[in-house]
Amino acid sequence: MYPEEEEAEGGDEGVHVIVARAGDALCGAISLAHSAWNNRLVIADLRVAPGHRGRGIGPALMERGLAHGRELGARTAWLEVTNVNAPAVRVYRRMGFALCGLDTSLYRGTASEGETALFMSRSL
């Protein structure tokens, strides 16, 4: 199973989506965009289907996404994750991301109210 690169149809301009498939089954996907003003790769979303977790699909998708960022000349990769998603924070740390900031108000008025947004980044 190898990730396939696909441009997102519709949605935000400049969003790039890479998917992982096993036959016809969608195993996971990463969505990212290049932020030109600060020359960073924004990881908007990384998901792996529950039945496919623990098989290295997430790290493989992230590596493909980071390689895409390097091709664009991005200097860093950046993402946001909620503080209650400890498994994701651990995975991102293993992928070389480090905490670079937080926001205690980002989720105010949402279903995630009370959580803290953690911002993580890594050099490319």
PDB file of N, CA and C in Angstrom:
ATOM      1  N   MET A   1       0.845  -1.162   0.000  1.00  0.00           N
ATOM      2  CA  MET A   1       0.000   0.000   0.000  1.00  0.00           C
ATOM      3  C   MET A   1       0.893   1.228   0.000  1.00  0.00           C
ATOM      4  N   TYR A   2       0.685   2.107  -0.960  1.00  0.00           N
ATOM      5  CA  TYR A   2       1.484   3.321  -1.100  1.00  0.00           C
ATOM      6  C   TYR A   2       0.551   4.520  -1.164  1.00  0.00           C
ATOM      7  N   PRO A   3       0.953   5.614  -0.516  1.00  0.00           N
ATOM      8  CA  PRO A   3       0.113   6.818  -0.619  1.00  0.00           C
ATOM      9  C   PRO A   3       0.066   7.311  -2.060  1.00  0.00           C
ATOM     10  N   GLU A   4      -1.102   7.779  -2.436  1.00  0.00           N
ATOM     11  CA  GLU A   4      -1.283   8.380  -3.750  1.00  0.00           C
ATOM     12  C   GLU A   4      -1.487   9.872  -3.531  1.00  0.00           C
ATOM     13  N   GLU A   5      -0.894  10.679  -4.394  1.00  0.00           N
ATOM     14  CA  GLU A   5      -1.089  12.116  -4.282  1.00  0.00           C
ATOM     15  C   GLU A   5      -2.273  12.516  -5.140  1.00  0.00           C
ATOM     16  N   GLU A   6      -3.132  13.342  -4.555  1.00  0.00           N
ATOM     17  CA  GLU A   6      -4.286  13.850  -5.284  1.00  0.00           C
ATOM     18  C   GLU A   6      -4.470  15.308  -4.901  1.00  0.00           C
ATOM     19  N   GLU A   7      -4.819  16.116  -5.851  1.00  0.00           N
ATOM     20  CA  GLU A   7      -5.194  17.488  -5.544  1.00  0.00           C
ATOM     21  C   GLU A   7      -6.637  17.433  -5.044  1.00  0.00           C
ATOM     22  N   ALA A   8      -6.907  18.189  -3.988  1.00  0.00           N
ATOM     23  CA  ALA A   8      -8.266  18.224  -3.456  1.00  0.00           C
ATOM     24  C   ALA A   8      -9.190  18.870  -4.481  1.00  0.00           C
ATOM     25  N   GLU A   9     -10.375  18.315  -4.619  1.00  0.00           N
ATOM     26  CA  GLU A   9     -11.358  18.903  -5.516  1.00  0.00           C
ATOM     27  C   GLU A   9     -12.249  19.795  -4.683  1.00  0.00           C
ATOM     28  N   GLY A  10     -12.437  21.029  -5.136  1.00  0.00           N
ATOM     29  CA  GLY A  10     -13.241  21.979  -4.379  1.00  0.00           C
ATOM     30  C   GLY A  10     -12.481  22.415  -3.147  1.00  0.00           C
ATOM     31  N   GLY A  11     -13.166  23.032  -2.203  1.00  0.00           N
ATOM     32  CA  GLY A  11     -12.525  23.444  -0.956  1.00  0.00           C
ATOM     33  C   GLY A  11     -11.562  24.586  -1.164  1.00  0.00           C
ATOM     34  N   ASP A  12     -10.632  24.738  -0.234  1.00  0.00           N
ATOM     35  CA  ASP A  12      -9.682  25.842  -0.273  1.00  0.00           C
ATOM     36  C   ASP A  12      -8.691  25.688  -1.411  1.00  0.00           C
ATOM     37  N   GLU A  13      -8.400  26.799  -2.052  1.00  0.00           N
ATOM     38  CA  GLU A  13      -7.400  26.793  -3.106  1.00  0.00           C
ATOM     39  C   GLU A  13      -6.041  26.536  -2.479  1.00  0.00           C
ATOM     40  N   GLY A  14      -5.236  25.703  -3.115  1.00  0.00           N
ATOM     41  CA  GLY A  14      -3.905  25.441  -2.611  1.00  0.00           C
ATOM     42  C   GLY A  14      -3.818  24.280  -1.645  1.00  0.00           C
ATOM     43  N   VAL A  15      -4.932  23.659  -1.307  1.00  0.00           N
ATOM     44  CA  VAL A  15      -4.904  22.505  -0.413  1.00  0.00           C
ATOM     45  C   VAL A  15      -4.434  21.288  -1.207  1.00  0.00           C
ATOM     46  N   HIS A  16      -3.514  20.563  -0.640  1.00  0.00           N
ATOM     47  CA  HIS A  16      -2.963  19.364  -1.270  1.00  0.00           C
ATOM     48  C   HIS A  16      -3.314  18.180  -0.375  1.00  0.00           C
ATOM     49  N   VAL A  17      -3.812  17.117  -0.953  1.00  0.00           N
ATOM     50  CA  VAL A  17      -4.218  15.932  -0.196  1.00  0.00           C
ATOM     51  C   VAL A  17      -3.442  14.729  -0.709  1.00  0.00           C
ATOM     52  N   ILE A  18      -2.880  13.970   0.227  1.00  0.00           N
ATOM     53  CA  ILE A  18      -2.200  12.713  -0.092  1.00  0.00           C
ATOM     54  C   ILE A  18      -2.969  11.619   0.626  1.00  0.00           C
ATOM     55  N   VAL A  19      -3.319  10.562  -0.097  1.00  0.00           N
ATOM     56  CA  VAL A  19      -4.093   9.480   0.498  1.00  0.00           C
ATOM     57  C   VAL A  19      -3.303   8.180   0.489  1.00  0.00           C
ATOM     58  N   ALA A  20      -3.637   7.311   1.424  1.00  0.00           N
ATOM     59  CA  ALA A  20      -3.080   5.961   1.479  1.00  0.00           C
ATOM     60  C   ALA A  20      -4.234   4.993   1.244  1.00  0.00           C
ATOM     61  N   ARG A  21      -4.024   4.063   0.337  1.00  0.00           N
ATOM     62  CA  ARG A  21      -5.055   3.068   0.015  1.00  0.00           C
ATOM     63  C   ARG A  21      -4.462   1.671   0.074  1.00  0.00           C
ATOM     64  N   ALA A  22      -5.298   0.727   0.418  1.00  0.00           N
ATOM     65  CA  ALA A  22      -4.984  -0.691   0.306  1.00  0.00           C
ATOM     66  C   ALA A  22      -6.077  -1.247  -0.596  1.00  0.00           C
ATOM     67  N   GLY A  23      -5.751  -1.441  -1.860  1.00  0.00           N
ATOM     68  CA  GLY A  23      -6.786  -1.819  -2.820  1.00  0.00           C
ATOM     69  C   GLY A  23      -7.768  -0.684  -2.960  1.00  0.00           C
ATOM     70  N   ASP A  24      -9.043  -0.971  -2.747  1.00  0.00           N
ATOM     71  CA  ASP A  24     -10.075   0.064  -2.830  1.00  0.00           C
ATOM     72  C   ASP A  24     -10.327   0.747  -1.496  1.00  0.00           C
ATOM     73  N   ALA A  25      -9.701   0.266  -0.423  1.00  0.00           N
ATOM     74  CA  ALA A  25      -9.941   0.822   0.915  1.00  0.00           C
ATOM     75  C   ALA A  25      -9.078   2.052   1.166  1.00  0.00           C
ATOM     76  N   LEU A  26      -9.712   3.111   1.639  1.00  0.00           N
ATOM     77  CA  LEU A  26      -8.992   4.311   2.047  1.00  0.00           C
ATOM     78  C   LEU A  26      -8.460   4.073   3.458  1.00  0.00           C
ATOM     79  N   CYS A  27      -7.141   4.098   3.616  1.00  0.00           N
ATOM     80  CA  CYS A  27      -6.511   3.821   4.908  1.00  0.00           C
ATOM     81  C   CYS A  27      -6.214   5.086   5.693  1.00  0.00           C
ATOM     82  N   GLY A  28      -5.955   6.193   4.994  1.00  0.00           N
ATOM     83  CA  GLY A  28      -5.636   7.431   5.666  1.00  0.00           C
ATOM     84  C   GLY A  28      -5.411   8.546   4.670  1.00  0.00           C
ATOM     85  N   ALA A  29      -5.278   9.760   5.199  1.00  0.00           N
ATOM     86  CA  ALA A  29      -5.046  10.917   4.341  1.00  0.00           C
ATOM     87  C   ALA A  29      -4.407  12.038   5.143  1.00  0.00           C
ATOM     88  N   ILE A  30      -3.654  12.873   4.451  1.00  0.00           N
ATOM     89  CA  ILE A  30      -3.087  14.079   5.029  1.00  0.00           C
ATOM     90  C   ILE A  30      -3.441  15.236   4.105  1.00  0.00           C
ATOM     91  N   SER A  31      -3.898  16.346   4.704  1.00  0.00           N
ATOM     92  CA  SER A  31      -4.230  17.564   3.966  1.00  0.00           C
ATOM     93  C   SER A  31      -3.253  18.639   4.405  1.00  0.00           C
ATOM     94  N   LEU A  32      -2.715  19.364   3.440  1.00  0.00           N
ATOM     95  CA  LEU A  32      -1.732  20.390   3.775  1.00  0.00           C
ATOM     96  C   LEU A  32      -1.783  21.527   2.781  1.00  0.00           C
ATOM     97  N   ALA A  33      -1.201  22.642   3.174  1.00  0.00           N
ATOM     98  CA  ALA A  33      -1.156  23.817   2.306  1.00  0.00           C
ATOM     99  C   ALA A  33       0.118  24.591   2.589  1.00  0.00           C
ATOM    100  N   HIS A  34       0.590  25.293   1.583  1.00  0.00           N
ATOM    101  CA  HIS A  34       1.780  26.131   1.738  1.00  0.00           C
ATOM    102  C   HIS A  34       1.321  27.543   2.065  1.00  0.00           C
ATOM    103  N   SER A  35       1.811  28.083   3.156  1.00  0.00           N
ATOM    104  CA  SER A  35       1.526  29.452   3.550  1.00  0.00           C
ATOM    105  C   SER A  35       2.667  30.321   3.038  1.00  0.00           C
ATOM    106  N   ALA A  36       2.396  31.069   1.977  1.00  0.00           N
ATOM    107  CA  ALA A  36       3.457  31.820   1.301  1.00  0.00           C
ATOM    108  C   ALA A  36       4.034  32.945   2.152  1.00  0.00           C
ATOM    109  N   TRP A  37       3.214  33.634   2.934  1.00  0.00           N
ATOM    110  CA  TRP A  37       3.704  34.815   3.644  1.00  0.00           C
ATOM    111  C   TRP A  37       4.800  34.478   4.645  1.00  0.00           C
ATOM    112  N   ASN A  38       4.727  33.290   5.254  1.00  0.00           N
ATOM    113  CA  ASN A  38       5.786  32.905   6.202  1.00  0.00           C
ATOM    114  C   ASN A  38       6.514  31.643   5.746  1.00  0.00           C
ATOM    115  N   ASN A  39       6.230  31.214   4.542  1.00  0.00           N
ATOM    116  CA  ASN A  39       6.911  30.083   3.909  1.00  0.00           C
ATOM    117  C   ASN A  39       6.906  28.830   4.782  1.00  0.00           C
ATOM    118  N   ARG A  40       5.712  28.469   5.271  1.00  0.00           N
ATOM    119  CA  ARG A  40       5.621  27.239   6.046  1.00  0.00           C
ATOM    120  C   ARG A  40       4.540  26.334   5.484  1.00  0.00           C
ATOM    121  N   LEU A  41       4.728  25.066   5.744  1.00  0.00           N
ATOM    122  CA  LEU A  41       3.773  24.042   5.356  1.00  0.00           C
ATOM    123  C   LEU A  41       2.803  23.871   6.514  1.00  0.00           C
ATOM    124  N   VAL A  42       1.527  24.060   6.260  1.00  0.00           N
ATOM    125  CA  VAL A  42       0.506  23.912   7.291  1.00  0.00           C
ATOM    126  C   VAL A  42      -0.135  22.543   7.121  1.00  0.00           C
ATOM    127  N   ILE A  43       0.027  21.703   8.140  1.00  0.00           N
ATOM    128  CA  ILE A  43      -0.609  20.383   8.149  1.00  0.00           C
ATOM    129  C   ILE A  43      -2.015  20.602   8.703  1.00  0.00           C
ATOM    130  N   ALA A  44      -3.007  20.567   7.823  1.00  0.00           N
ATOM    131  CA  ALA A  44      -4.375  20.856   8.232  1.00  0.00           C
ATOM    132  C   ALA A  44      -5.045  19.647   8.879  1.00  0.00           C
ATOM    133  N   ASP A  45      -4.705  18.449   8.411  1.00  0.00           N
ATOM    134  CA  ASP A  45      -5.383  17.262   8.923  1.00  0.00           C
ATOM    135  C   ASP A  45      -4.568  16.019   8.568  1.00  0.00           C
ATOM    136  N   LEU A  46      -4.476  15.116   9.517  1.00  0.00           N
ATOM    137  CA  LEU A  46      -3.857  13.803   9.293  1.00  0.00           C
ATOM    138  C   LEU A  46      -4.761  12.782   9.952  1.00  0.00           C
ATOM    139  N   ARG A  47      -5.266  11.855   9.159  1.00  0.00           N
ATOM    140  CA  ARG A  47      -6.180  10.832   9.693  1.00  0.00           C
ATOM    141  C   ARG A  47      -5.796   9.463   9.162  1.00  0.00           C
ATOM    142  N   VAL A  48      -5.898   8.481  10.049  1.00  0.00           N
ATOM    143  CA  VAL A  48      -5.700   7.084   9.675  1.00  0.00           C
ATOM    144  C   VAL A  48      -6.936   6.332  10.145  1.00  0.00           C
ATOM    145  N   ALA A  49      -7.515   5.538   9.277  1.00  0.00           N
ATOM    146  CA  ALA A  49      -8.711   4.765   9.622  1.00  0.00           C
ATOM    147  C   ALA A  49      -8.398   3.840  10.788  1.00  0.00           C
ATOM    148  N   PRO A  50      -9.338   3.716  11.734  1.00  0.00           N
ATOM    149  CA  PRO A  50      -9.088   2.913  12.945  1.00  0.00           C
ATOM    150  C   PRO A  50      -8.535   1.518  12.675  1.00  0.00           C
ATOM    151  N   GLY A  51      -9.020   0.820  11.686  1.00  0.00           N
ATOM    152  CA  GLY A  51      -8.551  -0.531  11.405  1.00  0.00           C
ATOM    153  C   GLY A  51      -7.150  -0.591  10.815  1.00  0.00           C
ATOM    154  N   HIS A  52      -6.578   0.560  10.500  1.00  0.00           N
ATOM    155  CA  HIS A  52      -5.255   0.607   9.866  1.00  0.00           C
ATOM    156  C   HIS A  52      -4.199   1.280  10.742  1.00  0.00           C
ATOM    157  N   ARG A  53      -4.568   1.649  11.953  1.00  0.00           N
ATOM    158  CA  ARG A  53      -3.628   2.327  12.839  1.00  0.00           C
ATOM    159  C   ARG A  53      -2.570   1.353  13.347  1.00  0.00           C
ATOM    160  N   GLY A  54      -1.405   1.907  13.674  1.00  0.00           N
ATOM    161  CA  GLY A  54      -0.316   1.088  14.203  1.00  0.00           C
ATOM    162  C   GLY A  54       0.476   0.360  13.129  1.00  0.00           C
ATOM    163  N   ARG A  55       0.269   0.717  11.879  1.00  0.00           N
ATOM    164  CA  ARG A  55       0.962   0.056  10.761  1.00  0.00           C
ATOM    165  C   ARG A  55       1.934   0.979  10.042  1.00  0.00           C
ATOM    166  N   GLY A  56       2.169   2.173  10.603  1.00  0.00           N
ATOM    167  CA  GLY A  56       3.107   3.111   9.997  1.00  0.00           C
ATOM    168  C   GLY A  56       2.518   3.985   8.908  1.00  0.00           C
ATOM    169  N   ILE A  57       1.199   3.952   8.739  1.00  0.00           N
ATOM    170  CA  ILE A  57       0.569   4.733   7.688  1.00  0.00           C
ATOM    171  C   ILE A  57       0.657   6.224   7.999  1.00  0.00           C
ATOM    172  N   GLY A  58       0.398   6.621   9.246  1.00  0.00           N
ATOM    173  CA  GLY A  58       0.475   8.029   9.626  1.00  0.00           C
ATOM    174  C   GLY A  58       1.859   8.611   9.379  1.00  0.00           C
ATOM    175  N   PRO A  59       2.915   7.979   9.901  1.00  0.00           N
ATOM    176  CA  PRO A  59       4.261   8.497   9.622  1.00  0.00           C
ATOM    177  C   PRO A  59       4.611   8.522   8.132  1.00  0.00           C
ATOM    178  N   ALA A  60       4.147   7.516   7.374  1.00  0.00           N
ATOM    179  CA  ALA A  60       4.424   7.501   5.936  1.00  0.00           C
ATOM    180  C   ALA A  60       3.720   8.663   5.235  1.00  0.00           C
ATOM    181  N   LEU A  61       2.477   8.917   5.607  1.00  0.00           N
ATOM    182  CA  LEU A  61       1.759  10.054   5.037  1.00  0.00           C
ATOM    183  C   LEU A  61       2.449  11.367   5.402  1.00  0.00           C
ATOM    184  N   MET A  62       2.867  11.486   6.676  1.00  0.00           N
ATOM    185  CA  MET A  62       3.538  12.706   7.104  1.00  0.00           C
ATOM    186  C   MET A  62       4.834  12.907   6.325  1.00  0.00           C
ATOM    187  N   GLU A  63       5.607  11.848   6.135  1.00  0.00           N
ATOM    188  CA  GLU A  63       6.857  11.983   5.380  1.00  0.00           C
ATOM    189  C   GLU A  63       6.593  12.434   3.956  1.00  0.00           C
ATOM    190  N   ARG A  64       5.534  11.882   3.330  1.00  0.00           N
ATOM    191  CA  ARG A  64       5.175  12.327   1.975  1.00  0.00           C
ATOM    192  C   ARG A  64       4.764  13.790   1.985  1.00  0.00           C
ATOM    193  N   GLY A  65       4.009  14.184   3.005  1.00  0.00           N
ATOM    194  CA  GLY A  65       3.591  15.578   3.122  1.00  0.00           C
ATOM    195  C   GLY A  65       4.767  16.513   3.334  1.00  0.00           C
ATOM    196  N   LEU A  66       5.704  16.124   4.196  1.00  0.00           N
ATOM    197  CA  LEU A  66       6.887  16.941   4.452  1.00  0.00           C
ATOM    198  C   LEU A  66       7.755  17.038   3.195  1.00  0.00           C
ATOM    199  N   ALA A  67       7.858  15.955   2.444  1.00  0.00           N
ATOM    200  CA  ALA A  67       8.615  15.981   1.192  1.00  0.00           C
ATOM    201  C   ALA A  67       7.976  16.966   0.210  1.00  0.00           C
ATOM    202  N   HIS A  68       6.649  16.985   0.176  1.00  0.00           N
ATOM    203  CA  HIS A  68       5.938  17.940  -0.678  1.00  0.00           C
ATOM    204  C   HIS A  68       6.271  19.367  -0.239  1.00  0.00           C
ATOM    205  N   GLY A  69       6.302  19.607   1.064  1.00  0.00           N
ATOM    206  CA  GLY A  69       6.655  20.928   1.572  1.00  0.00           C
ATOM    207  C   GLY A  69       8.065  21.337   1.173  1.00  0.00           C
ATOM    208  N   ARG A  70       8.989  20.392   1.241  1.00  0.00           N
ATOM    209  CA  ARG A  70      10.370  20.682   0.828  1.00  0.00           C
ATOM    210  C   ARG A  70      10.419  21.041  -0.657  1.00  0.00           C
ATOM    211  N   GLU A  71       9.643  20.315  -1.472  1.00  0.00           N
ATOM    212  CA  GLU A  71       9.589  20.609  -2.906  1.00  0.00           C
ATOM    213  C   GLU A  71       9.093  22.032  -3.157  1.00  0.00           C
ATOM    214  N   LEU A  72       8.204  22.510  -2.303  1.00  0.00           N
ATOM    215  CA  LEU A  72       7.678  23.870  -2.420  1.00  0.00           C
ATOM    216  C   LEU A  72       8.633  24.907  -1.852  1.00  0.00           C
ATOM    217  N   GLY A  73       9.678  24.449  -1.164  1.00  0.00           N
ATOM    218  CA  GLY A  73      10.641  25.362  -0.557  1.00  0.00           C
ATOM    219  C   GLY A  73      10.248  25.853   0.819  1.00  0.00           C
ATOM    220  N   ALA A  74       9.260  25.198   1.447  1.00  0.00           N
ATOM    221  CA  ALA A  74       8.841  25.611   2.796  1.00  0.00           C
ATOM    222  C   ALA A  74      10.002  25.405   3.778  1.00  0.00           C
ATOM    223  N   ARG A  75      10.099  26.288   4.762  1.00  0.00           N
ATOM    224  CA  ARG A  75      11.188  26.211   5.742  1.00  0.00           C
ATOM    225  C   ARG A  75      10.802  25.417   6.980  1.00  0.00           C
ATOM    226  N   THR A  76       9.506  25.405   7.319  1.00  0.00           N
ATOM    227  CA  THR A  76       9.040  24.669   8.488  1.00  0.00           C
ATOM    228  C   THR A  76       7.693  24.023   8.184  1.00  0.00           C
ATOM    229  N   ALA A  77       7.337  23.058   9.013  1.00  0.00           N
ATOM    230  CA  ALA A  77       5.998  22.465   8.987  1.00  0.00           C
ATOM    231  C   ALA A  77       5.340  22.812  10.310  1.00  0.00           C
ATOM    232  N   TRP A  78       4.040  23.057  10.286  1.00  0.00           N
ATOM    233  CA  TRP A  78       3.310  23.530  11.468  1.00  0.00           C
ATOM    234  C   TRP A  78       1.961  22.843  11.516  1.00  0.00           C
ATOM    235  N   LEU A  79       1.491  22.546  12.729  1.00  0.00           N
ATOM    236  CA  LEU A  79       0.173  21.945  12.904  1.00  0.00           C
ATOM    237  C   LEU A  79      -0.414  22.355  14.240  1.00  0.00           C
ATOM    238  N   GLU A  80      -1.703  22.116  14.377  1.00  0.00           N
ATOM    239  CA  GLU A  80      -2.439  22.397  15.618  1.00  0.00           C
ATOM    240  C   GLU A  80      -3.103  21.108  16.068  1.00  0.00           C
ATOM    241  N   VAL A  81      -3.064  20.854  17.364  1.00  0.00           N
ATOM    242  CA  VAL A  81      -3.691  19.670  17.943  1.00  0.00           C
ATOM    243  C   VAL A  81      -4.220  20.042  19.323  1.00  0.00           C
ATOM    244  N   THR A  82      -5.323  19.445  19.723  1.00  0.00           N
ATOM    245  CA  THR A  82      -5.873  19.732  21.046  1.00  0.00           C
ATOM    246  C   THR A  82      -5.068  19.022  22.131  1.00  0.00           C
ATOM    247  N   ASN A  83      -4.993  19.636  23.278  1.00  0.00           N
ATOM    248  CA  ASN A  83      -4.212  19.073  24.379  1.00  0.00           C
ATOM    249  C   ASN A  83      -4.768  17.743  24.888  1.00  0.00           C
ATOM    250  N   VAL A  84      -6.034  17.446  24.629  1.00  0.00           N
ATOM    251  CA  VAL A  84      -6.601  16.191  25.114  1.00  0.00           C
ATOM    252  C   VAL A  84      -6.324  15.021  24.178  1.00  0.00           C
ATOM    253  N   ASN A  85      -5.718  15.287  23.044  1.00  0.00           N
ATOM    254  CA  ASN A  85      -5.391  14.223  22.099  1.00  0.00           C
ATOM    255  C   ASN A  85      -3.941  13.782  22.330  1.00  0.00           C
ATOM    256  N   ALA A  86      -3.702  13.210  23.499  1.00  0.00           N
ATOM    257  CA  ALA A  86      -2.345  12.794  23.881  1.00  0.00           C
ATOM    258  C   ALA A  86      -1.726  11.802  22.895  1.00  0.00           C
ATOM    259  N   PRO A  87      -2.471  10.835  22.355  1.00  0.00           N
ATOM    260  CA  PRO A  87      -1.849   9.935  21.383  1.00  0.00           C
ATOM    261  C   PRO A  87      -1.293  10.683  20.165  1.00  0.00           C
ATOM    262  N   ALA A  88      -2.032  11.670  19.661  1.00  0.00           N
ATOM    263  CA  ALA A  88      -1.554  12.433  18.502  1.00  0.00           C
ATOM    264  C   ALA A  88      -0.326  13.259  18.871  1.00  0.00           C
ATOM    265  N   VAL A  89      -0.331  13.864  20.051  1.00  0.00           N
ATOM    266  CA  VAL A  89       0.828  14.659  20.486  1.00  0.00           C
ATOM    267  C   VAL A  89       2.070  13.767  20.548  1.00  0.00           C
ATOM    268  N   ARG A  90       1.926  12.567  21.100  1.00  0.00           N
ATOM    269  CA  ARG A  90       3.063  11.640  21.172  1.00  0.00           C
ATOM    270  C   ARG A  90       3.565  11.269  19.784  1.00  0.00           C
ATOM    271  N   VAL A  91       2.640  10.979  18.869  1.00  0.00           N
ATOM    272  CA  VAL A  91       3.028  10.613  17.499  1.00  0.00           C
ATOM    273  C   VAL A  91       3.743  11.779  16.831  1.00  0.00           C
ATOM    274  N   TYR A  92       3.203  12.979  16.959  1.00  0.00           N
ATOM    275  CA  TYR A  92       3.837  14.141  16.338  1.00  0.00           C
ATOM    276  C   TYR A  92       5.230  14.381  16.915  1.00  0.00           C
ATOM    277  N   ARG A  93       5.393  14.168  18.205  1.00  0.00           N
ATOM    278  CA  ARG A  93       6.725  14.328  18.811  1.00  0.00           C
ATOM    279  C   ARG A  93       7.697  13.302  18.227  1.00  0.00           C
ATOM    280  N   ARG A  94       7.232  12.056  18.050  1.00  0.00           N
ATOM    281  CA  ARG A  94       8.088  11.034  17.432  1.00  0.00           C
ATOM    282  C   ARG A  94       8.440  11.393  15.995  1.00  0.00           C
ATOM    283  N   MET A  95       7.585  12.166  15.343  1.00  0.00           N
ATOM    284  CA  MET A  95       7.828  12.598  13.970  1.00  0.00           C
ATOM    285  C   MET A  95       8.724  13.840  13.914  1.00  0.00           C
ATOM    286  N   GLY A  96       9.190  14.298  15.063  1.00  0.00           N
ATOM    287  CA  GLY A  96      10.115  15.427  15.089  1.00  0.00           C
ATOM    288  C   GLY A  96       9.492  16.780  15.363  1.00  0.00           C
ATOM    289  N   PHE A  97       8.203  16.824  15.632  1.00  0.00           N
ATOM    290  CA  PHE A  97       7.541  18.086  15.946  1.00  0.00           C
ATOM    291  C   PHE A  97       7.758  18.442  17.417  1.00  0.00           C
ATOM    292  N   ALA A  98       7.855  19.733  17.690  1.00  0.00           N
ATOM    293  CA  ALA A  98       8.025  20.228  19.056  1.00  0.00           C
ATOM    294  C   ALA A  98       6.985  21.315  19.314  1.00  0.00           C
ATOM    295  N   LEU A  99       6.592  21.454  20.545  1.00  0.00           N
ATOM    296  CA  LEU A  99       5.637  22.487  20.943  1.00  0.00           C
ATOM    297  C   LEU A  99       6.230  23.861  20.638  1.00  0.00           C
ATOM    298  N   CYS A 100       5.454  24.713  19.984  1.00  0.00           N
ATOM    299  CA  CYS A 100       5.934  26.064  19.681  1.00  0.00           C
ATOM    300  C   CYS A 100       4.953  27.134  20.142  1.00  0.00           C
ATOM    301  N   GLY A 101       3.815  26.723  20.702  1.00  0.00           N
ATOM    302  CA  GLY A 101       2.859  27.708  21.211  1.00  0.00           C
ATOM    303  C   GLY A 101       1.553  27.056  21.614  1.00  0.00           C
ATOM    304  N   LEU A 102       0.672  27.859  22.220  1.00  0.00           N
ATOM    305  CA  LEU A 102      -0.645  27.361  22.615  1.00  0.00           C
ATOM    306  C   LEU A 102      -1.643  28.500  22.607  1.00  0.00           C
ATOM    307  N   ASP A 103      -2.905  28.127  22.578  1.00  0.00           N
ATOM    308  CA  ASP A 103      -3.994  29.098  22.583  1.00  0.00           C
ATOM    309  C   ASP A 103      -5.103  28.537  23.464  1.00  0.00           C
ATOM    310  N   THR A 104      -5.395  29.223  24.563  1.00  0.00           N
ATOM    311  CA  THR A 104      -6.437  28.761  25.483  1.00  0.00           C
ATOM    312  C   THR A 104      -7.827  29.202  25.057  1.00  0.00           C
ATOM    313  N   SER A 105      -7.933  30.032  24.031  1.00  0.00           N
ATOM    314  CA  SER A 105      -9.235  30.558  23.611  1.00  0.00           C
ATOM    315  C   SER A 105      -9.711  30.038  22.258  1.00  0.00           C
ATOM    316  N   LEU A 106      -8.909  29.298  21.538  1.00  0.00           N
ATOM    317  CA  LEU A 106      -9.250  28.888  20.169  1.00  0.00           C
ATOM    318  C   LEU A 106     -10.561  28.115  20.099  1.00  0.00           C
ATOM    319  N   TYR A 107     -10.838  27.287  21.061  1.00  0.00           N
ATOM    320  CA  TYR A 107     -12.019  26.427  21.005  1.00  0.00           C
ATOM    321  C   TYR A 107     -13.217  26.996  21.770  1.00  0.00           C
ATOM    322  N   ARG A 108     -13.107  28.213  22.272  1.00  0.00           N
ATOM    323  CA  ARG A 108     -14.211  28.824  23.016  1.00  0.00           C
ATOM    324  C   ARG A 108     -15.460  28.868  22.145  1.00  0.00           C
ATOM    325  N   GLY A 109     -16.579  28.461  22.703  1.00  0.00           N
ATOM    326  CA  GLY A 109     -17.838  28.474  21.967  1.00  0.00           C
ATOM    327  C   GLY A 109     -18.021  27.304  21.027  1.00  0.00           C
ATOM    328  N   THR A 110     -17.145  26.301  21.135  1.00  0.00           N
ATOM    329  CA  THR A 110     -17.249  25.112  20.288  1.00  0.00           C
ATOM    330  C   THR A 110     -17.466  23.889  21.173  1.00  0.00           C
ATOM    331  N   ALA A 111     -17.662  22.743  20.544  1.00  0.00           N
ATOM    332  CA  ALA A 111     -17.818  21.493  21.299  1.00  0.00           C
ATOM    333  C   ALA A 111     -16.547  21.142  22.068  1.00  0.00           C
ATOM    334  N   SER A 112     -15.418  21.745  21.690  1.00  0.00           N
ATOM    335  CA  SER A 112     -14.134  21.473  22.357  1.00  0.00           C
ATOM    336  C   SER A 112     -13.794  22.526  23.402  1.00  0.00           C
ATOM    337  N   GLU A 113     -14.773  23.318  23.803  1.00  0.00           N
ATOM    338  CA  GLU A 113     -14.521  24.371  24.796  1.00  0.00           C
ATOM    339  C   GLU A 113     -13.861  23.779  26.036  1.00  0.00           C
ATOM    340  N   GLY A 114     -12.875  24.496  26.564  1.00  0.00           N
ATOM    341  CA  GLY A 114     -12.136  24.046  27.738  1.00  0.00           C
ATOM    342  C   GLY A 114     -10.822  23.370  27.381  1.00  0.00           C
ATOM    343  N   GLU A 115     -10.678  22.976  26.134  1.00  0.00           N
ATOM    344  CA  GLU A 115      -9.425  22.384  25.685  1.00  0.00           C
ATOM    345  C   GLU A 115      -8.465  23.491  25.263  1.00  0.00           C
ATOM    346  N   THR A 116      -7.192  23.148  25.170  1.00  0.00           N
ATOM    347  CA  THR A 116      -6.167  24.101  24.763  1.00  0.00           C
ATOM    348  C   THR A 116      -5.589  23.659  23.422  1.00  0.00           C
ATOM    349  N   ALA A 117      -5.475  24.600  22.498  1.00  0.00           N
ATOM    350  CA  ALA A 117      -4.863  24.311  21.204  1.00  0.00           C
ATOM    351  C   ALA A 117      -3.365  24.347  21.377  1.00  0.00           C
ATOM    352  N   LEU A 118      -2.708  23.263  20.987  1.00  0.00           N
ATOM    353  CA  LEU A 118      -1.247  23.197  21.008  1.00  0.00           C
ATOM    354  C   LEU A 118      -0.764  23.356  19.579  1.00  0.00           C
ATOM    355  N   PHE A 119       0.241  24.207  19.389  1.00  0.00           N
ATOM    356  CA  PHE A 119       0.840  24.400  18.082  1.00  0.00           C
ATOM    357  C   PHE A 119       2.214  23.732  18.104  1.00  0.00           C
ATOM    358  N   MET A 120       2.479  22.952  17.086  1.00  0.00           N
ATOM    359  CA  MET A 120       3.722  22.215  17.003  1.00  0.00           C
ATOM    360  C   MET A 120       4.362  22.481  15.642  1.00  0.00           C
ATOM    361  N   SER A 121       5.694  22.474  15.610  1.00  0.00           N
ATOM    362  CA  SER A 121       6.384  22.712  14.346  1.00  0.00           C
ATOM    363  C   SER A 121       7.663  21.904  14.288  1.00  0.00           C
ATOM    364  N   ARG A 122       8.203  21.830  13.094  1.00  0.00           N
ATOM    365  CA  ARG A 122       9.514  21.215  12.888  1.00  0.00           C
ATOM    366  C   ARG A 122      10.136  21.821  11.644  1.00  0.00           C
ATOM    367  N   SER A 123      11.434  21.855  11.626  1.00  0.00           N
ATOM    368  CA  SER A 123      12.162  22.384  10.470  1.00  0.00           C
ATOM    369  C   SER A 123      12.080  21.394   9.317  1.00  0.00           C
ATOM    370  N   LEU A 124      12.099  21.951   8.120  1.00  0.00           N
ATOM    371  CA  LEU A 124      12.148  21.114   6.932  1.00  0.00           C
ATOM    372  C   LEU A 124      13.528  21.214   6.314  1.00  0.00           C
TER     373      LEU A 124
END
